[in-house]
Amino acid sequence: MSGITNTDLQNASGQKSFVIWFTGLPSSGKTTLAFHLKEKMEHKGFRIYLLDGDQLRTGLNSDLGFTEKNRSENIRRAAEVAKLFADAGHVVLATFISPFEKDRVMTAQIIGQERVKLIYVKCPLEVCERRDVKGLYKKARAGEIKHFTGLDSPYEEPLNPDMVVNSFDKSVEDSVNFILQRLILNGN
């Protein structure tokens, strides 16, 4: 093991490393918000890594299905990857449906409660369905996709998120500015 610590990496990069974990229904706006937040934070000089659920599902987690057990393993692996990037001195923007409270608690335990900020991207199901550019809700309603979150698989709203962003009644710009303001006020 190297003698270089996370603190050393943070000092070298000039930033505190942490994970911003976005949770919400499919098509709630998690990735869109994270992408725009990434651009703004990079412009301010932050070293950012965007870790997206679709990205991991096509590679590292391609062996997992969508049962509750598989979803939990997907989130466990994602949390471990996010932790590695944070340990390397990055701010990680992680966008995962992460539908179960127990898995979000596990995520904080893996990464470290003090190093993770949970953002609940709140959006009504009917708005998510209208936004669905991939057509996944339509396929799920037609029975082509099983265990679809929000339809035949539950989404448990977070009990204690660090932030709630109502993505259905705010612009992306306003939502990103809200997140940045809260991060600054909270010392990150």
N, C-alpha and C. Protein backbone atom coordinates (compact mmCIF):
# COMPACT_ATOMS: atom_id res chain seq x y z
N MET A 1 0.84 -1.18 0.00
CA MET A 1 0.00 0.00 0.00
C MET A 1 0.88 1.24 0.00
N SER A 2 0.53 2.22 -0.76
CA SER A 2 1.27 3.47 -0.87
C SER A 2 1.17 4.27 0.41
N GLY A 3 2.19 5.10 0.67
CA GLY A 3 2.16 5.97 1.83
C GLY A 3 1.38 7.24 1.57
N ILE A 4 0.80 7.39 0.37
CA ILE A 4 0.02 8.58 0.03
C ILE A 4 -1.41 8.39 0.52
N THR A 5 -1.87 9.34 1.31
CA THR A 5 -3.22 9.23 1.89
C THR A 5 -4.21 10.04 1.08
N ASN A 6 -5.49 9.84 1.38
CA ASN A 6 -6.55 10.63 0.76
C ASN A 6 -6.34 12.11 1.06
N THR A 7 -5.89 12.43 2.25
CA THR A 7 -5.61 13.82 2.62
C THR A 7 -4.50 14.39 1.74
N ASP A 8 -3.45 13.58 1.48
CA ASP A 8 -2.37 14.02 0.58
C ASP A 8 -2.91 14.33 -0.80
N LEU A 9 -3.77 13.45 -1.31
CA LEU A 9 -4.36 13.67 -2.64
C LEU A 9 -5.23 14.92 -2.66
N GLN A 10 -6.00 15.12 -1.59
CA GLN A 10 -6.84 16.32 -1.52
C GLN A 10 -5.98 17.57 -1.50
N ASN A 11 -4.89 17.54 -0.75
CA ASN A 11 -4.00 18.70 -0.69
C ASN A 11 -3.37 18.96 -2.05
N ALA A 12 -2.94 17.88 -2.74
CA ALA A 12 -2.31 18.03 -4.05
C ALA A 12 -3.29 18.56 -5.08
N SER A 13 -4.54 18.12 -5.01
CA SER A 13 -5.52 18.55 -6.00
C SER A 13 -6.16 19.88 -5.64
N GLY A 14 -5.99 20.29 -4.38
CA GLY A 14 -6.57 21.56 -3.96
C GLY A 14 -8.07 21.49 -3.74
N GLN A 15 -8.60 20.32 -3.61
CA GLN A 15 -10.04 20.18 -3.40
C GLN A 15 -10.31 19.05 -2.42
N LYS A 16 -11.44 19.14 -1.77
CA LYS A 16 -11.90 18.05 -0.93
C LYS A 16 -12.63 17.06 -1.84
N SER A 17 -12.32 15.79 -1.68
CA SER A 17 -13.00 14.79 -2.51
C SER A 17 -14.21 14.26 -1.76
N PHE A 18 -15.28 14.04 -2.51
CA PHE A 18 -16.51 13.50 -1.95
C PHE A 18 -17.37 12.99 -3.08
N VAL A 19 -18.49 12.38 -2.72
CA VAL A 19 -19.41 11.79 -3.69
C VAL A 19 -20.77 12.47 -3.56
N ILE A 20 -21.30 12.90 -4.68
CA ILE A 20 -22.67 13.39 -4.74
C ILE A 20 -23.47 12.28 -5.41
N TRP A 21 -24.37 11.67 -4.63
CA TRP A 21 -25.13 10.50 -5.10
C TRP A 21 -26.54 10.97 -5.46
N PHE A 22 -26.88 10.90 -6.75
CA PHE A 22 -28.20 11.29 -7.24
C PHE A 22 -29.10 10.05 -7.27
N THR A 23 -30.27 10.13 -6.66
CA THR A 23 -31.24 9.05 -6.70
C THR A 23 -32.58 9.60 -7.17
N GLY A 24 -33.37 8.75 -7.78
CA GLY A 24 -34.69 9.14 -8.25
C GLY A 24 -35.20 8.14 -9.27
N LEU A 25 -36.44 8.29 -9.63
CA LEU A 25 -37.06 7.41 -10.63
C LEU A 25 -36.32 7.48 -11.97
N PRO A 26 -36.48 6.45 -12.82
CA PRO A 26 -35.93 6.55 -14.17
C PRO A 26 -36.51 7.78 -14.88
N SER A 27 -35.66 8.52 -15.56
CA SER A 27 -36.02 9.73 -16.32
C SER A 27 -36.42 10.90 -15.43
N SER A 28 -36.02 10.87 -14.16
CA SER A 28 -36.32 12.00 -13.27
C SER A 28 -35.40 13.18 -13.53
N GLY A 29 -34.27 12.95 -14.18
CA GLY A 29 -33.33 14.03 -14.48
C GLY A 29 -31.99 13.91 -13.78
N LYS A 30 -31.70 12.78 -13.19
CA LYS A 30 -30.46 12.59 -12.44
C LYS A 30 -29.22 12.87 -13.30
N THR A 31 -29.13 12.19 -14.43
CA THR A 31 -27.94 12.32 -15.28
C THR A 31 -27.86 13.70 -15.90
N THR A 32 -28.98 14.25 -16.30
CA THR A 32 -28.98 15.60 -16.88
C THR A 32 -28.45 16.60 -15.87
N LEU A 33 -28.94 16.55 -14.64
CA LEU A 33 -28.45 17.46 -13.60
C LEU A 33 -26.97 17.24 -13.33
N ALA A 34 -26.56 15.98 -13.23
CA ALA A 34 -25.15 15.68 -12.94
C ALA A 34 -24.25 16.18 -14.07
N PHE A 35 -24.66 16.01 -15.30
CA PHE A 35 -23.86 16.46 -16.43
C PHE A 35 -23.66 17.98 -16.38
N HIS A 36 -24.72 18.72 -16.13
CA HIS A 36 -24.62 20.18 -16.07
C HIS A 36 -23.85 20.64 -14.83
N LEU A 37 -24.02 19.93 -13.73
CA LEU A 37 -23.25 20.24 -12.52
C LEU A 37 -21.77 19.98 -12.77
N LYS A 38 -21.46 18.89 -13.46
CA LYS A 38 -20.08 18.56 -13.80
C LYS A 38 -19.44 19.70 -14.59
N GLU A 39 -20.14 20.19 -15.60
CA GLU A 39 -19.61 21.29 -16.42
C GLU A 39 -19.31 22.52 -15.57
N LYS A 40 -20.25 22.88 -14.70
CA LYS A 40 -20.05 24.07 -13.86
C LYS A 40 -18.90 23.89 -12.88
N MET A 41 -18.82 22.71 -12.28
CA MET A 41 -17.76 22.47 -11.30
C MET A 41 -16.39 22.38 -11.97
N GLU A 42 -16.33 21.77 -13.16
CA GLU A 42 -15.07 21.73 -13.90
C GLU A 42 -14.61 23.14 -14.25
N HIS A 43 -15.55 23.97 -14.63
CA HIS A 43 -15.23 25.37 -14.95
C HIS A 43 -14.64 26.09 -13.74
N LYS A 44 -15.04 25.68 -12.54
CA LYS A 44 -14.51 26.27 -11.31
C LYS A 44 -13.21 25.60 -10.86
N GLY A 45 -12.74 24.61 -11.65
CA GLY A 45 -11.46 23.98 -11.37
C GLY A 45 -11.51 22.66 -10.62
N PHE A 46 -12.69 22.12 -10.39
CA PHE A 46 -12.81 20.84 -9.69
C PHE A 46 -12.44 19.69 -10.61
N ARG A 47 -11.84 18.66 -10.04
CA ARG A 47 -11.62 17.40 -10.75
C ARG A 47 -12.84 16.54 -10.49
N ILE A 48 -13.56 16.23 -11.55
CA ILE A 48 -14.87 15.57 -11.44
C ILE A 48 -14.85 14.26 -12.21
N TYR A 49 -15.56 13.27 -11.67
CA TYR A 49 -15.83 12.06 -12.44
C TYR A 49 -17.33 11.79 -12.36
N LEU A 50 -17.96 11.62 -13.52
CA LEU A 50 -19.38 11.30 -13.60
C LEU A 50 -19.53 9.80 -13.76
N LEU A 51 -20.17 9.17 -12.78
CA LEU A 51 -20.37 7.73 -12.77
C LEU A 51 -21.87 7.48 -12.93
N ASP A 52 -22.25 6.92 -14.07
CA ASP A 52 -23.66 6.77 -14.41
C ASP A 52 -24.09 5.30 -14.39
N GLY A 53 -25.32 5.06 -13.96
CA GLY A 53 -25.86 3.71 -13.88
C GLY A 53 -25.83 2.97 -15.20
N ASP A 54 -26.20 3.64 -16.29
CA ASP A 54 -26.17 2.99 -17.61
C ASP A 54 -24.75 2.59 -17.99
N GLN A 55 -23.80 3.43 -17.66
CA GLN A 55 -22.39 3.19 -17.93
C GLN A 55 -21.93 1.89 -17.25
N LEU A 56 -22.24 1.71 -16.00
CA LEU A 56 -21.83 0.52 -15.28
C LEU A 56 -22.61 -0.72 -15.73
N ARG A 57 -23.87 -0.54 -16.11
CA ARG A 57 -24.69 -1.69 -16.54
C ARG A 57 -24.20 -2.28 -17.86
N THR A 58 -23.47 -1.51 -18.66
CA THR A 58 -22.96 -2.04 -19.93
C THR A 58 -21.56 -2.62 -19.79
N GLY A 59 -20.95 -2.49 -18.63
CA GLY A 59 -19.60 -3.00 -18.42
C GLY A 59 -19.51 -3.81 -17.15
N LEU A 60 -19.02 -3.19 -16.12
CA LEU A 60 -18.76 -3.86 -14.84
C LEU A 60 -19.96 -4.64 -14.32
N ASN A 61 -21.15 -4.10 -14.47
CA ASN A 61 -22.35 -4.73 -13.92
C ASN A 61 -23.24 -5.38 -14.98
N SER A 62 -22.66 -5.70 -16.14
CA SER A 62 -23.46 -6.30 -17.22
C SER A 62 -23.97 -7.69 -16.87
N ASP A 63 -23.41 -8.30 -15.84
CA ASP A 63 -23.85 -9.64 -15.43
C ASP A 63 -25.05 -9.61 -14.49
N LEU A 64 -25.52 -8.42 -14.14
CA LEU A 64 -26.61 -8.30 -13.17
C LEU A 64 -27.94 -8.02 -13.85
N GLY A 65 -28.99 -8.62 -13.31
CA GLY A 65 -30.34 -8.35 -13.78
C GLY A 65 -30.98 -7.26 -12.94
N PHE A 66 -32.30 -7.33 -12.83
CA PHE A 66 -33.03 -6.25 -12.14
C PHE A 66 -33.86 -6.76 -10.97
N THR A 67 -33.53 -7.93 -10.46
CA THR A 67 -34.19 -8.39 -9.23
C THR A 67 -33.70 -7.51 -8.08
N GLU A 68 -34.38 -7.58 -6.96
CA GLU A 68 -33.96 -6.77 -5.81
C GLU A 68 -32.52 -7.11 -5.40
N LYS A 69 -32.18 -8.38 -5.40
CA LYS A 69 -30.82 -8.80 -5.04
C LYS A 69 -29.80 -8.24 -6.02
N ASN A 70 -30.10 -8.30 -7.32
CA ASN A 70 -29.18 -7.77 -8.33
C ASN A 70 -29.07 -6.26 -8.26
N ARG A 71 -30.18 -5.59 -8.00
CA ARG A 71 -30.13 -4.13 -7.86
C ARG A 71 -29.23 -3.73 -6.69
N SER A 72 -29.34 -4.46 -5.59
CA SER A 72 -28.50 -4.17 -4.42
C SER A 72 -27.02 -4.39 -4.74
N GLU A 73 -26.72 -5.44 -5.46
CA GLU A 73 -25.33 -5.70 -5.84
C GLU A 73 -24.83 -4.62 -6.81
N ASN A 74 -25.68 -4.18 -7.72
CA ASN A 74 -25.34 -3.09 -8.63
C ASN A 74 -24.93 -1.84 -7.84
N ILE A 75 -25.71 -1.50 -6.84
CA ILE A 75 -25.43 -0.31 -6.04
C ILE A 75 -24.19 -0.51 -5.18
N ARG A 76 -24.00 -1.71 -4.65
CA ARG A 76 -22.79 -1.97 -3.85
C ARG A 76 -21.54 -1.77 -4.70
N ARG A 77 -21.54 -2.34 -5.91
CA ARG A 77 -20.39 -2.18 -6.79
C ARG A 77 -20.18 -0.71 -7.17
N ALA A 78 -21.27 -0.03 -7.47
CA ALA A 78 -21.17 1.39 -7.83
C ALA A 78 -20.57 2.20 -6.69
N ALA A 79 -20.99 1.92 -5.47
CA ALA A 79 -20.46 2.64 -4.30
C ALA A 79 -18.96 2.37 -4.15
N GLU A 80 -18.55 1.15 -4.39
CA GLU A 80 -17.12 0.82 -4.28
C GLU A 80 -16.31 1.58 -5.34
N VAL A 81 -16.82 1.67 -6.56
CA VAL A 81 -16.14 2.42 -7.62
C VAL A 81 -16.11 3.91 -7.27
N ALA A 82 -17.23 4.45 -6.81
CA ALA A 82 -17.27 5.86 -6.41
C ALA A 82 -16.25 6.15 -5.31
N LYS A 83 -16.14 5.25 -4.36
CA LYS A 83 -15.18 5.41 -3.27
C LYS A 83 -13.76 5.46 -3.81
N LEU A 84 -13.44 4.59 -4.77
CA LEU A 84 -12.09 4.58 -5.35
C LEU A 84 -11.76 5.93 -6.01
N PHE A 85 -12.71 6.47 -6.76
CA PHE A 85 -12.47 7.76 -7.40
C PHE A 85 -12.35 8.88 -6.36
N ALA A 86 -13.16 8.84 -5.33
CA ALA A 86 -13.06 9.84 -4.27
C ALA A 86 -11.73 9.69 -3.54
N ASP A 87 -11.30 8.46 -3.30
CA ASP A 87 -10.00 8.23 -2.67
C ASP A 87 -8.86 8.79 -3.51
N ALA A 88 -9.06 8.84 -4.83
CA ALA A 88 -8.04 9.37 -5.74
C ALA A 88 -8.11 10.89 -5.87
N GLY A 89 -9.00 11.53 -5.09
CA GLY A 89 -9.05 12.99 -5.06
C GLY A 89 -10.09 13.63 -5.94
N HIS A 90 -11.01 12.87 -6.48
CA HIS A 90 -12.05 13.42 -7.35
C HIS A 90 -13.34 13.72 -6.57
N VAL A 91 -14.12 14.63 -7.11
CA VAL A 91 -15.51 14.76 -6.73
C VAL A 91 -16.25 13.84 -7.69
N VAL A 92 -17.04 12.93 -7.15
CA VAL A 92 -17.75 11.95 -7.97
C VAL A 92 -19.23 12.31 -8.00
N LEU A 93 -19.78 12.39 -9.19
CA LEU A 93 -21.20 12.58 -9.38
C LEU A 93 -21.75 11.23 -9.81
N ALA A 94 -22.46 10.55 -8.91
CA ALA A 94 -22.97 9.20 -9.16
C ALA A 94 -24.47 9.26 -9.38
N THR A 95 -24.92 8.78 -10.54
CA THR A 95 -26.34 8.83 -10.89
C THR A 95 -26.90 7.41 -10.99
N PHE A 96 -27.63 7.03 -9.96
CA PHE A 96 -28.19 5.68 -9.88
C PHE A 96 -29.60 5.76 -9.31
N ILE A 97 -30.52 5.02 -9.91
CA ILE A 97 -31.89 4.99 -9.38
C ILE A 97 -31.84 4.65 -7.90
N SER A 98 -31.04 3.67 -7.54
CA SER A 98 -30.88 3.19 -6.15
C SER A 98 -32.21 3.25 -5.40
N PRO A 99 -33.14 2.37 -5.76
CA PRO A 99 -34.51 2.48 -5.29
C PRO A 99 -34.76 2.11 -3.82
N PHE A 100 -33.80 1.42 -3.19
CA PHE A 100 -34.06 0.93 -1.84
C PHE A 100 -33.25 1.70 -0.79
N GLU A 101 -33.92 2.08 0.28
CA GLU A 101 -33.28 2.82 1.36
C GLU A 101 -32.09 2.05 1.92
N LYS A 102 -32.23 0.75 2.09
CA LYS A 102 -31.14 -0.04 2.67
C LYS A 102 -29.88 0.04 1.82
N ASP A 103 -30.04 0.16 0.52
CA ASP A 103 -28.87 0.27 -0.37
C ASP A 103 -28.24 1.64 -0.31
N ARG A 104 -29.06 2.67 -0.12
CA ARG A 104 -28.50 4.01 0.03
C ARG A 104 -27.74 4.12 1.36
N VAL A 105 -28.23 3.46 2.39
CA VAL A 105 -27.52 3.42 3.68
C VAL A 105 -26.20 2.68 3.50
N MET A 106 -26.23 1.55 2.79
CA MET A 106 -25.01 0.79 2.52
C MET A 106 -24.00 1.64 1.76
N THR A 107 -24.47 2.42 0.80
CA THR A 107 -23.60 3.29 0.02
C THR A 107 -22.85 4.25 0.93
N ALA A 108 -23.56 4.87 1.85
CA ALA A 108 -22.93 5.81 2.79
C ALA A 108 -21.92 5.09 3.68
N GLN A 109 -22.21 3.86 4.05
CA GLN A 109 -21.27 3.08 4.87
C GLN A 109 -20.00 2.76 4.08
N ILE A 110 -20.14 2.41 2.83
CA ILE A 110 -18.99 2.07 1.99
C ILE A 110 -18.13 3.30 1.73
N ILE A 111 -18.74 4.38 1.32
CA ILE A 111 -18.01 5.59 0.94
C ILE A 111 -17.54 6.35 2.17
N GLY A 112 -18.37 6.33 3.22
CA GLY A 112 -18.13 7.12 4.42
C GLY A 112 -19.19 8.20 4.50
N GLN A 113 -19.98 8.17 5.54
CA GLN A 113 -21.12 9.09 5.68
C GLN A 113 -20.71 10.55 5.47
N GLU A 114 -19.52 10.91 5.98
CA GLU A 114 -19.06 12.29 5.88
C GLU A 114 -18.60 12.67 4.47
N ARG A 115 -18.46 11.68 3.59
CA ARG A 115 -17.96 11.93 2.23
C ARG A 115 -19.02 11.79 1.15
N VAL A 116 -20.28 11.58 1.53
CA VAL A 116 -21.31 11.40 0.51
C VAL A 116 -22.48 12.33 0.79
N LYS A 117 -22.96 12.96 -0.27
CA LYS A 117 -24.15 13.82 -0.22
C LYS A 117 -25.21 13.17 -1.09
N LEU A 118 -26.37 12.91 -0.50
CA LEU A 118 -27.47 12.26 -1.22
C LEU A 118 -28.43 13.33 -1.73
N ILE A 119 -28.62 13.33 -3.04
CA ILE A 119 -29.58 14.25 -3.66
C ILE A 119 -30.72 13.43 -4.24
N TYR A 120 -31.91 13.71 -3.76
CA TYR A 120 -33.12 13.06 -4.26
C TYR A 120 -33.68 13.94 -5.37
N VAL A 121 -33.66 13.43 -6.60
CA VAL A 121 -34.23 14.14 -7.74
C VAL A 121 -35.68 13.70 -7.83
N LYS A 122 -36.54 14.54 -7.30
CA LYS A 122 -37.96 14.21 -7.15
C LYS A 122 -38.72 14.64 -8.40
N CYS A 123 -39.49 13.70 -8.92
CA CYS A 123 -40.26 13.98 -10.13
C CYS A 123 -41.44 13.00 -10.17
N PRO A 124 -42.65 13.49 -10.43
CA PRO A 124 -43.81 12.59 -10.52
C PRO A 124 -43.64 11.56 -11.64
N LEU A 125 -44.18 10.38 -11.40
CA LEU A 125 -44.08 9.27 -12.35
C LEU A 125 -44.55 9.69 -13.75
N GLU A 126 -45.69 10.40 -13.82
CA GLU A 126 -46.22 10.77 -15.13
C GLU A 126 -45.28 11.71 -15.90
N VAL A 127 -44.56 12.56 -15.20
CA VAL A 127 -43.58 13.44 -15.85
C VAL A 127 -42.38 12.62 -16.33
N CYS A 128 -41.93 11.69 -15.51
CA CYS A 128 -40.83 10.81 -15.91
C CYS A 128 -41.18 10.04 -17.18
N GLU A 129 -42.42 9.53 -17.22
CA GLU A 129 -42.85 8.79 -18.41
C GLU A 129 -42.84 9.67 -19.66
N ARG A 130 -43.27 10.92 -19.52
CA ARG A 130 -43.28 11.83 -20.67
C ARG A 130 -41.85 12.15 -21.14
N ARG A 131 -40.91 12.19 -20.22
CA ARG A 131 -39.52 12.52 -20.53
C ARG A 131 -38.73 11.34 -21.10
N ASP A 132 -39.24 10.16 -21.02
CA ASP A 132 -38.51 8.93 -21.28
C ASP A 132 -38.11 8.81 -22.75
N VAL A 133 -36.92 9.28 -23.10
CA VAL A 133 -36.46 9.24 -24.49
C VAL A 133 -36.09 7.83 -24.95
N LYS A 134 -35.80 6.94 -24.02
CA LYS A 134 -35.42 5.57 -24.37
C LYS A 134 -36.63 4.66 -24.58
N GLY A 135 -37.81 5.12 -24.19
CA GLY A 135 -39.01 4.32 -24.35
C GLY A 135 -39.12 3.16 -23.36
N LEU A 136 -38.41 3.24 -22.26
CA LEU A 136 -38.40 2.14 -21.30
C LEU A 136 -39.72 1.98 -20.55
N TYR A 137 -40.36 3.09 -20.20
CA TYR A 137 -41.65 3.00 -19.51
C TYR A 137 -42.68 2.31 -20.41
N LYS A 138 -42.68 2.69 -21.68
CA LYS A 138 -43.62 2.10 -22.64
C LYS A 138 -43.39 0.59 -22.74
N LYS A 139 -42.12 0.19 -22.82
CA LYS A 139 -41.79 -1.24 -22.88
C LYS A 139 -42.20 -1.95 -21.60
N ALA A 140 -41.98 -1.31 -20.46
CA ALA A 140 -42.34 -1.92 -19.18
C ALA A 140 -43.86 -2.07 -19.07
N ARG A 141 -44.60 -1.06 -19.49
CA ARG A 141 -46.07 -1.14 -19.45
C ARG A 141 -46.61 -2.21 -20.40
N ALA A 142 -45.84 -2.49 -21.47
CA ALA A 142 -46.24 -3.53 -22.43
C ALA A 142 -45.78 -4.91 -21.98
N GLY A 143 -45.09 -4.98 -20.83
CA GLY A 143 -44.64 -6.27 -20.31
C GLY A 143 -43.31 -6.75 -20.88
N GLU A 144 -42.65 -5.90 -21.66
CA GLU A 144 -41.37 -6.28 -22.27
C GLU A 144 -40.20 -6.16 -21.29
N ILE A 145 -40.36 -5.34 -20.26
CA ILE A 145 -39.34 -5.18 -19.23
C ILE A 145 -39.98 -5.50 -17.89
N LYS A 146 -39.37 -6.40 -17.16
CA LYS A 146 -39.87 -6.78 -15.83
C LYS A 146 -39.06 -6.05 -14.75
N HIS A 147 -39.66 -5.91 -13.58
CA HIS A 147 -39.01 -5.28 -12.41
C HIS A 147 -38.61 -3.84 -12.71
N PHE A 148 -39.47 -3.09 -13.37
CA PHE A 148 -39.15 -1.71 -13.72
C PHE A 148 -39.51 -0.79 -12.55
N THR A 149 -38.53 -0.03 -12.08
CA THR A 149 -38.73 0.84 -10.92
C THR A 149 -39.81 1.87 -11.19
N GLY A 150 -40.73 1.95 -10.23
CA GLY A 150 -41.83 2.90 -10.33
C GLY A 150 -43.10 2.28 -10.86
N LEU A 151 -42.96 1.13 -11.54
CA LEU A 151 -44.14 0.45 -12.08
C LEU A 151 -44.36 -0.87 -11.33
N ASP A 152 -43.58 -1.90 -11.68
CA ASP A 152 -43.77 -3.18 -10.98
C ASP A 152 -42.65 -3.50 -9.99
N SER A 153 -41.79 -2.53 -9.75
CA SER A 153 -40.77 -2.62 -8.70
C SER A 153 -40.80 -1.29 -7.95
N PRO A 154 -40.74 -1.33 -6.62
CA PRO A 154 -40.92 -0.11 -5.85
C PRO A 154 -39.73 0.85 -5.89
N TYR A 155 -40.03 2.10 -5.65
CA TYR A 155 -39.00 3.11 -5.38
C TYR A 155 -39.33 3.67 -4.00
N GLU A 156 -38.40 3.53 -3.09
CA GLU A 156 -38.58 4.06 -1.73
C GLU A 156 -37.95 5.44 -1.67
N GLU A 157 -38.77 6.45 -1.42
CA GLU A 157 -38.23 7.80 -1.30
C GLU A 157 -37.22 7.85 -0.16
N PRO A 158 -36.12 8.58 -0.35
CA PRO A 158 -35.11 8.67 0.71
C PRO A 158 -35.70 9.27 1.99
N LEU A 159 -35.29 8.71 3.12
CA LEU A 159 -35.77 9.20 4.41
C LEU A 159 -35.10 10.51 4.82
N ASN A 160 -33.80 10.62 4.55
CA ASN A 160 -33.04 11.80 4.99
C ASN A 160 -32.05 12.27 3.93
N PRO A 161 -32.52 12.68 2.77
CA PRO A 161 -31.56 13.15 1.76
C PRO A 161 -30.93 14.47 2.20
N ASP A 162 -29.73 14.73 1.70
CA ASP A 162 -29.08 16.01 1.99
C ASP A 162 -29.75 17.14 1.22
N MET A 163 -30.32 16.81 0.07
CA MET A 163 -31.03 17.79 -0.74
C MET A 163 -32.16 17.10 -1.50
N VAL A 164 -33.21 17.86 -1.76
CA VAL A 164 -34.29 17.41 -2.64
C VAL A 164 -34.38 18.43 -3.76
N VAL A 165 -34.29 17.94 -4.98
CA VAL A 165 -34.41 18.81 -6.15
C VAL A 165 -35.68 18.40 -6.87
N ASN A 166 -36.63 19.29 -6.96
CA ASN A 166 -37.88 19.04 -7.69
C ASN A 166 -37.62 19.33 -9.16
N SER A 167 -37.22 18.31 -9.89
CA SER A 167 -36.80 18.51 -11.28
C SER A 167 -37.96 18.81 -12.22
N PHE A 168 -39.19 18.67 -11.74
CA PHE A 168 -40.35 18.87 -12.61
C PHE A 168 -40.83 20.32 -12.64
N ASP A 169 -40.41 21.14 -11.68
CA ASP A 169 -40.90 22.52 -11.67
C ASP A 169 -39.79 23.56 -11.63
N LYS A 170 -38.54 23.12 -11.86
CA LYS A 170 -37.40 24.04 -11.94
C LYS A 170 -36.63 23.74 -13.21
N SER A 171 -35.98 24.76 -13.74
CA SER A 171 -35.12 24.53 -14.89
C SER A 171 -33.86 23.80 -14.44
N VAL A 172 -33.18 23.21 -15.39
CA VAL A 172 -31.92 22.53 -15.08
C VAL A 172 -30.95 23.53 -14.47
N GLU A 173 -30.86 24.71 -15.05
CA GLU A 173 -29.96 25.76 -14.55
C GLU A 173 -30.28 26.13 -13.10
N ASP A 174 -31.55 26.34 -12.79
CA ASP A 174 -31.94 26.68 -11.42
C ASP A 174 -31.63 25.53 -10.46
N SER A 175 -31.86 24.31 -10.89
CA SER A 175 -31.58 23.15 -10.05
C SER A 175 -30.09 23.02 -9.76
N VAL A 176 -29.26 23.19 -10.79
CA VAL A 176 -27.81 23.10 -10.62
C VAL A 176 -27.32 24.21 -9.70
N ASN A 177 -27.83 25.41 -9.89
CA ASN A 177 -27.43 26.53 -9.01
C ASN A 177 -27.84 26.27 -7.56
N PHE A 178 -29.01 25.67 -7.37
CA PHE A 178 -29.47 25.31 -6.03
C PHE A 178 -28.50 24.31 -5.39
N ILE A 179 -28.09 23.30 -6.16
CA ILE A 179 -27.16 22.29 -5.65
C ILE A 179 -25.83 22.94 -5.29
N LEU A 180 -25.30 23.76 -6.19
CA LEU A 180 -24.02 24.42 -5.93
C LEU A 180 -24.07 25.30 -4.70
N GLN A 181 -25.15 26.04 -4.56
CA GLN A 181 -25.30 26.92 -3.40
C GLN A 181 -25.32 26.10 -2.11
N ARG A 182 -26.04 25.01 -2.10
CA ARG A 182 -26.10 24.15 -0.90
C ARG A 182 -24.75 23.52 -0.60
N LEU A 183 -24.01 23.13 -1.65
CA LEU A 183 -22.69 22.54 -1.44
C LEU A 183 -21.74 23.57 -0.83
N ILE A 184 -21.79 24.78 -1.34
CA ILE A 184 -20.93 25.84 -0.82
C ILE A 184 -21.28 26.16 0.62
N LEU A 185 -22.58 26.26 0.92
CA LEU A 185 -23.01 26.58 2.28
C LEU A 185 -22.64 25.47 3.26
N ASN A 186 -22.56 24.23 2.76
CA ASN A 186 -22.22 23.10 3.62
C ASN A 186 -20.72 22.83 3.66
N GLY A 187 -19.92 23.68 3.03
CA GLY A 187 -18.48 23.56 3.12
C GLY A 187 -17.85 22.58 2.18
N ASN A 188 -18.54 22.14 1.15
CA ASN A 188 -17.92 21.24 0.16
C ASN A 188 -17.72 21.95 -1.14
